[in-house]
């Protein structure tokens, strides 16, 4: 008996609802002089 390969979806586009990865990275911080 042969097991069929798993069906993996192929994504053609990506839509970001929010940018939480970079959110707040450049916010001023009075305790951090590098910001």
C-alpha atoms as a PDB file:
ATOM      1  CA  UNK A   1       0.000   0.000   0.000  1.00  0.00           C
ATOM      2  CA  UNK A   2       1.369   3.406  -0.979  1.00  0.00           C
ATOM      3  CA  UNK A   3       0.711   6.451   1.203  1.00  0.00           C
ATOM      4  CA  UNK A   4      -0.055   9.583  -0.854  1.00  0.00           C
ATOM      5  CA  UNK A   5       2.127  12.634  -0.145  1.00  0.00           C
ATOM      6  CA  UNK A   6       0.710  15.221   2.229  1.00  0.00           C
ATOM      7  CA  UNK A   7      -1.077  18.107   0.589  1.00  0.00           C
ATOM      8  CA  UNK A   8       0.838  21.272   1.470  1.00  0.00           C
ATOM      9  CA  UNK A   9      -0.747  24.602   0.502  1.00  0.00           C
ATOM     10  CA  UNK A  10       1.331  26.813  -1.766  1.00  0.00           C
ATOM     11  CA  UNK A  11       1.008  30.418  -0.658  1.00  0.00           C
ATOM     12  CA  UNK A  12       0.956  32.979  -3.448  1.00  0.00           C
ATOM     13  CA  UNK A  13       0.540  36.135  -1.379  1.00  0.00           C
ATOM     14  CA  UNK A  14       0.929  37.319   2.192  1.00  0.00           C
ATOM     15  CA  UNK A  15      -1.109  40.070   3.826  1.00  0.00           C
ATOM     16  CA  UNK A  16       0.105  41.548   7.109  1.00  0.00           C
ATOM     17  CA  UNK A  17      -2.691  42.794   9.341  1.00  0.00           C
ATOM     18  CA  UNK A  18      -0.255  44.447  11.755  1.00  0.00           C
ATOM     19  CA  UNK A  19       3.467  44.928  12.059  1.00  0.00           C
ATOM     20  CA  UNK A  20       3.981  43.715  15.610  1.00  0.00           C
ATOM     21  CA  UNK A  21       7.567  42.590  14.914  1.00  0.00           C
ATOM     22  CA  UNK A  22       8.911  46.145  14.523  1.00  0.00           C
ATOM     23  CA  UNK A  23       6.291  47.923  16.606  1.00  0.00           C
ATOM     24  CA  UNK A  24       7.956  49.985  19.304  1.00  0.00           C
ATOM     25  CA  UNK A  25      11.525  49.333  18.147  1.00  0.00           C
ATOM     26  CA  UNK A  26      12.210  53.028  17.447  1.00  0.00           C
ATOM     27  CA  UNK A  27      10.059  54.518  20.180  1.00  0.00           C
ATOM     28  CA  UNK A  28      11.982  57.045  22.272  1.00  0.00           C
ATOM     29  CA  UNK A  29      13.120  55.714  25.638  1.00  0.00           C
ATOM     30  CA  UNK A  30      14.481  58.218  28.173  1.00  0.00           C
ATOM     31  CA  UNK A  31      16.369  55.397  29.941  1.00  0.00           C
ATOM     32  CA  UNK A  32      18.133  54.211  26.760  1.00  0.00           C
ATOM     33  CA  UNK A  33      20.407  56.803  25.088  1.00  0.00           C
ATOM     34  CA  UNK A  34      20.644  54.710  21.896  1.00  0.00           C
ATOM     35  CA  UNK A  35      16.996  55.384  21.070  1.00  0.00           C
END
